Amino acid sequence: MTTRDMSGAEPMQVLTLTDGTKPKRKENTPANRIKELQAKRDITDKEKKELRRLKSEEMCELLGRGC
């Protein structure tokens, strides 16, 4: 075998193949929204009401009651 001079070689191209789907995003669940609101420092009155509502709905589900 002989060694070849690489000075005249063409640059290598890289091709990445994907299946065409986008990466999955987190599901927009009430539990995720509760965590998001709790992580915020300054929440508006509207967000406070939403947080209370989401917490009460979650508690109803945990207790097995329909509120």
PDB file of N, CA and C in Angstrom:
ATOM      1  N   MET A   1       0.838  -1.175   0.000  1.00  0.00           N
ATOM      2  CA  MET A   1       0.000   0.000   0.000  1.00  0.00           C
ATOM      3  C   MET A   1       0.884   1.240   0.000  1.00  0.00           C
ATOM      4  N   THR A   2       0.427   2.219  -0.690  1.00  0.00           N
ATOM      5  CA  THR A   2       1.179   3.462  -0.730  1.00  0.00           C
ATOM      6  C   THR A   2       0.390   4.540   0.004  1.00  0.00           C
ATOM      7  N   THR A   3       1.104   5.486   0.544  1.00  0.00           N
ATOM      8  CA  THR A   3       0.427   6.601   1.208  1.00  0.00           C
ATOM      9  C   THR A   3       0.180   7.677   0.175  1.00  0.00           C
ATOM     10  N   ARG A   4      -0.933   8.337   0.315  1.00  0.00           N
ATOM     11  CA  ARG A   4      -1.293   9.368  -0.644  1.00  0.00           C
ATOM     12  C   ARG A   4      -1.054  10.733  -0.017  1.00  0.00           C
ATOM     13  N   ASP A   5      -0.759  11.688  -0.838  1.00  0.00           N
ATOM     14  CA  ASP A   5      -0.581  13.053  -0.382  1.00  0.00           C
ATOM     15  C   ASP A   5      -1.981  13.657  -0.211  1.00  0.00           C
ATOM     16  N   MET A   6      -2.325  14.079   1.027  1.00  0.00           N
ATOM     17  CA  MET A   6      -3.666  14.579   1.321  1.00  0.00           C
ATOM     18  C   MET A   6      -3.821  16.067   1.019  1.00  0.00           C
ATOM     19  N   SER A   7      -2.786  16.724   0.524  1.00  0.00           N
ATOM     20  CA  SER A   7      -2.873  18.155   0.268  1.00  0.00           C
ATOM     21  C   SER A   7      -3.862  18.467  -0.851  1.00  0.00           C
ATOM     22  N   GLY A   8      -4.105  17.585  -1.762  1.00  0.00           N
ATOM     23  CA  GLY A   8      -5.023  17.837  -2.870  1.00  0.00           C
ATOM     24  C   GLY A   8      -6.383  17.207  -2.654  1.00  0.00           C
ATOM     25  N   ALA A   9      -6.640  16.682  -1.468  1.00  0.00           N
ATOM     26  CA  ALA A   9      -7.913  16.005  -1.192  1.00  0.00           C
ATOM     27  C   ALA A   9      -9.041  17.024  -1.057  1.00  0.00           C
ATOM     28  N   GLU A  10     -10.214  16.604  -1.409  1.00  0.00           N
ATOM     29  CA  GLU A  10     -11.390  17.454  -1.283  1.00  0.00           C
ATOM     30  C   GLU A  10     -11.853  17.471   0.171  1.00  0.00           C
ATOM     31  N   PRO A  11     -12.459  18.580   0.613  1.00  0.00           N
ATOM     32  CA  PRO A  11     -12.964  18.612   1.995  1.00  0.00           C
ATOM     33  C   PRO A  11     -14.107  17.620   2.170  1.00  0.00           C
ATOM     34  N   MET A  12     -14.186  17.050   3.348  1.00  0.00           N
ATOM     35  CA  MET A  12     -15.211  16.060   3.637  1.00  0.00           C
ATOM     36  C   MET A  12     -16.500  16.775   4.032  1.00  0.00           C
ATOM     37  N   GLN A  13     -17.616  16.274   3.548  1.00  0.00           N
ATOM     38  CA  GLN A  13     -18.911  16.831   3.911  1.00  0.00           C
ATOM     39  C   GLN A  13     -19.625  15.853   4.818  1.00  0.00           C
ATOM     40  N   VAL A  14     -20.330  16.398   5.823  1.00  0.00           N
ATOM     41  CA  VAL A  14     -21.067  15.569   6.764  1.00  0.00           C
ATOM     42  C   VAL A  14     -22.545  15.866   6.594  1.00  0.00           C
ATOM     43  N   LEU A  15     -23.337  14.819   6.508  1.00  0.00           N
ATOM     44  CA  LEU A  15     -24.770  14.945   6.336  1.00  0.00           C
ATOM     45  C   LEU A  15     -25.454  14.249   7.504  1.00  0.00           C
ATOM     46  N   THR A  16     -26.339  14.958   8.191  1.00  0.00           N
ATOM     47  CA  THR A  16     -27.058  14.389   9.317  1.00  0.00           C
ATOM     48  C   THR A  16     -28.485  14.109   8.890  1.00  0.00           C
ATOM     49  N   LEU A  17     -28.923  12.878   9.091  1.00  0.00           N
ATOM     50  CA  LEU A  17     -30.276  12.486   8.726  1.00  0.00           C
ATOM     51  C   LEU A  17     -31.133  12.381   9.974  1.00  0.00           C
ATOM     52  N   THR A  18     -32.352  12.896   9.894  1.00  0.00           N
ATOM     53  CA  THR A  18     -33.306  12.771  10.988  1.00  0.00           C
ATOM     54  C   THR A  18     -34.590  12.188  10.429  1.00  0.00           C
ATOM     55  N   ASP A  19     -35.456  11.773  11.327  1.00  0.00           N
ATOM     56  CA  ASP A  19     -36.712  11.195  10.875  1.00  0.00           C
ATOM     57  C   ASP A  19     -37.780  12.244  10.577  1.00  0.00           C
ATOM     58  N   GLY A  20     -37.459  13.514  10.729  1.00  0.00           N
ATOM     59  CA  GLY A  20     -38.367  14.580  10.359  1.00  0.00           C
ATOM     60  C   GLY A  20     -39.272  15.056  11.474  1.00  0.00           C
ATOM     61  N   THR A  21     -39.180  14.434  12.637  1.00  0.00           N
ATOM     62  CA  THR A  21     -40.018  14.890  13.742  1.00  0.00           C
ATOM     63  C   THR A  21     -39.253  15.899  14.576  1.00  0.00           C
ATOM     64  N   LYS A  22     -39.987  16.809  15.137  1.00  0.00           N
ATOM     65  CA  LYS A  22     -39.377  17.805  16.004  1.00  0.00           C
ATOM     66  C   LYS A  22     -39.183  17.186  17.386  1.00  0.00           C
ATOM     67  N   PRO A  23     -38.233  17.711  18.150  1.00  0.00           N
ATOM     68  CA  PRO A  23     -38.070  17.190  19.507  1.00  0.00           C
ATOM     69  C   PRO A  23     -39.338  17.413  20.320  1.00  0.00           C
ATOM     70  N   LYS A  24     -39.648  16.436  21.176  1.00  0.00           N
ATOM     71  CA  LYS A  24     -40.874  16.531  21.959  1.00  0.00           C
ATOM     72  C   LYS A  24     -40.756  17.636  22.992  1.00  0.00           C
ATOM     73  N   ARG A  25     -41.826  18.368  23.130  1.00  0.00           N
ATOM     74  CA  ARG A  25     -41.895  19.407  24.150  1.00  0.00           C
ATOM     75  C   ARG A  25     -42.585  18.810  25.369  1.00  0.00           C
ATOM     76  N   LYS A  26     -42.397  19.456  26.485  1.00  0.00           N
ATOM     77  CA  LYS A  26     -43.081  19.008  27.688  1.00  0.00           C
ATOM     78  C   LYS A  26     -44.580  19.144  27.481  1.00  0.00           C
ATOM     79  N   GLU A  27     -45.304  18.201  28.037  1.00  0.00           N
ATOM     80  CA  GLU A  27     -46.753  18.304  27.947  1.00  0.00           C
ATOM     81  C   GLU A  27     -47.215  19.467  28.801  1.00  0.00           C
ATOM     82  N   ASN A  28     -48.231  20.121  28.346  1.00  0.00           N
ATOM     83  CA  ASN A  28     -48.776  21.267  29.058  1.00  0.00           C
ATOM     84  C   ASN A  28     -49.818  20.766  30.063  1.00  0.00           C
ATOM     85  N   THR A  29     -49.336  20.233  31.185  1.00  0.00           N
ATOM     86  CA  THR A  29     -50.224  19.690  32.201  1.00  0.00           C
ATOM     87  C   THR A  29     -50.432  20.702  33.317  1.00  0.00           C
ATOM     88  N   PRO A  30     -51.506  20.550  34.069  1.00  0.00           N
ATOM     89  CA  PRO A  30     -51.726  21.448  35.205  1.00  0.00           C
ATOM     90  C   PRO A  30     -50.577  21.409  36.218  1.00  0.00           C
ATOM     91  N   ALA A  31     -50.000  20.238  36.443  1.00  0.00           N
ATOM     92  CA  ALA A  31     -48.891  20.128  37.395  1.00  0.00           C
ATOM     93  C   ALA A  31     -47.687  20.945  36.926  1.00  0.00           C
ATOM     94  N   ASN A  32     -47.397  20.910  35.628  1.00  0.00           N
ATOM     95  CA  ASN A  32     -46.291  21.710  35.090  1.00  0.00           C
ATOM     96  C   ASN A  32     -46.578  23.201  35.216  1.00  0.00           C
ATOM     97  N   ARG A  33     -47.823  23.580  35.012  1.00  0.00           N
ATOM     98  CA  ARG A  33     -48.197  24.992  35.130  1.00  0.00           C
ATOM     99  C   ARG A  33     -48.082  25.456  36.582  1.00  0.00           C
ATOM    100  N   ILE A  34     -48.452  24.587  37.533  1.00  0.00           N
ATOM    101  CA  ILE A  34     -48.323  24.930  38.951  1.00  0.00           C
ATOM    102  C   ILE A  34     -46.862  25.175  39.290  1.00  0.00           C
ATOM    103  N   LYS A  35     -45.978  24.290  38.842  1.00  0.00           N
ATOM    104  CA  LYS A  35     -44.548  24.444  39.095  1.00  0.00           C
ATOM    105  C   LYS A  35     -44.021  25.734  38.478  1.00  0.00           C
ATOM    106  N   GLU A  36     -44.482  26.036  37.283  1.00  0.00           N
ATOM    107  CA  GLU A  36     -44.055  27.249  36.581  1.00  0.00           C
ATOM    108  C   GLU A  36     -44.468  28.507  37.357  1.00  0.00           C
ATOM    109  N   LEU A  37     -45.713  28.522  37.827  1.00  0.00           N
ATOM    110  CA  LEU A  37     -46.206  29.686  38.568  1.00  0.00           C
ATOM    111  C   LEU A  37     -45.506  29.823  39.921  1.00  0.00           C
ATOM    112  N   GLN A  38     -45.240  28.691  40.578  1.00  0.00           N
ATOM    113  CA  GLN A  38     -44.568  28.743  41.872  1.00  0.00           C
ATOM    114  C   GLN A  38     -43.123  29.200  41.734  1.00  0.00           C
ATOM    115  N   ALA A  39     -42.512  28.947  40.596  1.00  0.00           N
ATOM    116  CA  ALA A  39     -41.127  29.341  40.377  1.00  0.00           C
ATOM    117  C   ALA A  39     -40.993  30.842  40.130  1.00  0.00           C
ATOM    118  N   LYS A  40     -42.068  31.473  39.680  1.00  0.00           N
ATOM    119  CA  LYS A  40     -42.046  32.914  39.426  1.00  0.00           C
ATOM    120  C   LYS A  40     -42.011  33.670  40.750  1.00  0.00           C
ATOM    121  N   ARG A  41     -41.335  34.791  40.745  1.00  0.00           N
ATOM    122  CA  ARG A  41     -41.277  35.607  41.966  1.00  0.00           C
ATOM    123  C   ARG A  41     -42.484  36.527  42.068  1.00  0.00           C
ATOM    124  N   ASP A  42     -42.678  37.364  41.098  1.00  0.00           N
ATOM    125  CA  ASP A  42     -43.784  38.325  41.123  1.00  0.00           C
ATOM    126  C   ASP A  42     -44.870  37.857  40.165  1.00  0.00           C
ATOM    127  N   ILE A  43     -45.960  37.352  40.739  1.00  0.00           N
ATOM    128  CA  ILE A  43     -47.057  36.926  39.879  1.00  0.00           C
ATOM    129  C   ILE A  43     -48.218  37.907  40.032  1.00  0.00           C
ATOM    130  N   THR A  44     -48.963  38.021  38.967  1.00  0.00           N
ATOM    131  CA  THR A  44     -50.088  38.952  38.948  1.00  0.00           C
ATOM    132  C   THR A  44     -51.279  38.349  39.696  1.00  0.00           C
ATOM    133  N   ASP A  45     -52.274  39.163  39.932  1.00  0.00           N
ATOM    134  CA  ASP A  45     -53.487  38.680  40.600  1.00  0.00           C
ATOM    135  C   ASP A  45     -54.155  37.578  39.779  1.00  0.00           C
ATOM    136  N   LYS A  46     -54.131  37.744  38.475  1.00  0.00           N
ATOM    137  CA  LYS A  46     -54.726  36.746  37.584  1.00  0.00           C
ATOM    138  C   LYS A  46     -53.993  35.410  37.726  1.00  0.00           C
ATOM    139  N   GLU A  47     -52.659  35.471  37.801  1.00  0.00           N
ATOM    140  CA  GLU A  47     -51.864  34.245  37.953  1.00  0.00           C
ATOM    141  C   GLU A  47     -52.079  33.621  39.332  1.00  0.00           C
ATOM    142  N   LYS A  48     -52.268  34.447  40.354  1.00  0.00           N
ATOM    143  CA  LYS A  48     -52.558  33.928  41.696  1.00  0.00           C
ATOM    144  C   LYS A  48     -53.866  33.153  41.706  1.00  0.00           C
ATOM    145  N   LYS A  49     -54.878  33.717  41.046  1.00  0.00           N
ATOM    146  CA  LYS A  49     -56.177  33.045  40.959  1.00  0.00           C
ATOM    147  C   LYS A  49     -56.044  31.720  40.211  1.00  0.00           C
ATOM    148  N   GLU A  50     -55.271  31.748  39.121  1.00  0.00           N
ATOM    149  CA  GLU A  50     -55.059  30.527  38.339  1.00  0.00           C
ATOM    150  C   GLU A  50     -54.352  29.471  39.184  1.00  0.00           C
ATOM    151  N   LEU A  51     -53.353  29.887  39.944  1.00  0.00           N
ATOM    152  CA  LEU A  51     -52.605  28.959  40.793  1.00  0.00           C
ATOM    153  C   LEU A  51     -53.516  28.334  41.847  1.00  0.00           C
ATOM    154  N   ARG A  52     -54.339  29.151  42.496  1.00  0.00           N
ATOM    155  CA  ARG A  52     -55.282  28.621  43.492  1.00  0.00           C
ATOM    156  C   ARG A  52     -56.250  27.625  42.856  1.00  0.00           C
ATOM    157  N   ARG A  53     -56.755  27.975  41.674  1.00  0.00           N
ATOM    158  CA  ARG A  53     -57.702  27.098  40.983  1.00  0.00           C
ATOM    159  C   ARG A  53     -57.049  25.766  40.616  1.00  0.00           C
ATOM    160  N   LEU A  54     -55.820  25.832  40.076  1.00  0.00           N
ATOM    161  CA  LEU A  54     -55.122  24.610  39.682  1.00  0.00           C
ATOM    162  C   LEU A  54     -54.831  23.722  40.883  1.00  0.00           C
ATOM    163  N   LYS A  55     -54.436  24.334  41.999  1.00  0.00           N
ATOM    164  CA  LYS A  55     -54.156  23.563  43.213  1.00  0.00           C
ATOM    165  C   LYS A  55     -55.421  22.892  43.740  1.00  0.00           C
ATOM    166  N   SER A  56     -56.529  23.615  43.721  1.00  0.00           N
ATOM    167  CA  SER A  56     -57.775  23.031  44.222  1.00  0.00           C
ATOM    168  C   SER A  56     -58.250  21.888  43.323  1.00  0.00           C
ATOM    169  N   GLU A  57     -58.103  22.055  42.008  1.00  0.00           N
ATOM    170  CA  GLU A  57     -58.483  20.981  41.079  1.00  0.00           C
ATOM    171  C   GLU A  57     -57.607  19.752  41.281  1.00  0.00           C
ATOM    172  N   GLU A  58     -56.316  19.979  41.505  1.00  0.00           N
ATOM    173  CA  GLU A  58     -55.397  18.862  41.727  1.00  0.00           C
ATOM    174  C   GLU A  58     -55.764  18.122  43.013  1.00  0.00           C
ATOM    175  N   MET A  59     -56.109  18.870  44.057  1.00  0.00           N
ATOM    176  CA  MET A  59     -56.490  18.254  45.327  1.00  0.00           C
ATOM    177  C   MET A  59     -57.762  17.435  45.167  1.00  0.00           C
ATOM    178  N   CYS A  60     -58.711  17.948  44.405  1.00  0.00           N
ATOM    179  CA  CYS A  60     -59.951  17.211  44.166  1.00  0.00           C
ATOM    180  C   CYS A  60     -59.666  15.888  43.448  1.00  0.00           C
ATOM    181  N   GLU A  61     -58.757  15.925  42.483  1.00  0.00           N
ATOM    182  CA  GLU A  61     -58.399  14.713  41.759  1.00  0.00           C
ATOM    183  C   GLU A  61     -57.704  13.710  42.660  1.00  0.00           C
ATOM    184  N   LEU A  62     -56.821  14.206  43.540  1.00  0.00           N
ATOM    185  CA  LEU A  62     -56.114  13.315  44.451  1.00  0.00           C
ATOM    186  C   LEU A  62     -57.059  12.647  45.437  1.00  0.00           C
ATOM    187  N   LEU A  63     -58.070  13.373  45.866  1.00  0.00           N
ATOM    188  CA  LEU A  63     -59.028  12.833  46.815  1.00  0.00           C
ATOM    189  C   LEU A  63     -60.114  11.991  46.135  1.00  0.00           C
ATOM    190  N   GLY A  64     -60.166  12.050  44.820  1.00  0.00           N
ATOM    191  CA  GLY A  64     -61.132  11.262  44.076  1.00  0.00           C
ATOM    192  C   GLY A  64     -62.525  11.857  44.071  1.00  0.00           C
ATOM    193  N   ARG A  65     -62.599  13.126  44.312  1.00  0.00           N
ATOM    194  CA  ARG A  65     -63.889  13.806  44.313  1.00  0.00           C
ATOM    195  C   ARG A  65     -64.022  14.675  43.077  1.00  0.00           C
ATOM    196  N   GLY A  66     -65.216  14.848  42.622  1.00  0.00           N
ATOM    197  CA  GLY A  66     -65.467  15.776  41.521  1.00  0.00           C
ATOM    198  C   GLY A  66     -65.894  17.116  42.099  1.00  0.00           C
ATOM    199  N   CYS A  67     -65.129  18.113  41.914  1.00  0.00           N
ATOM    200  CA  CYS A  67     -65.448  19.419  42.525  1.00  0.00           C
ATOM    201  C   CYS A  67     -66.270  20.278  41.601  1.00  0.00           C
TER     202      CYS A  67
END
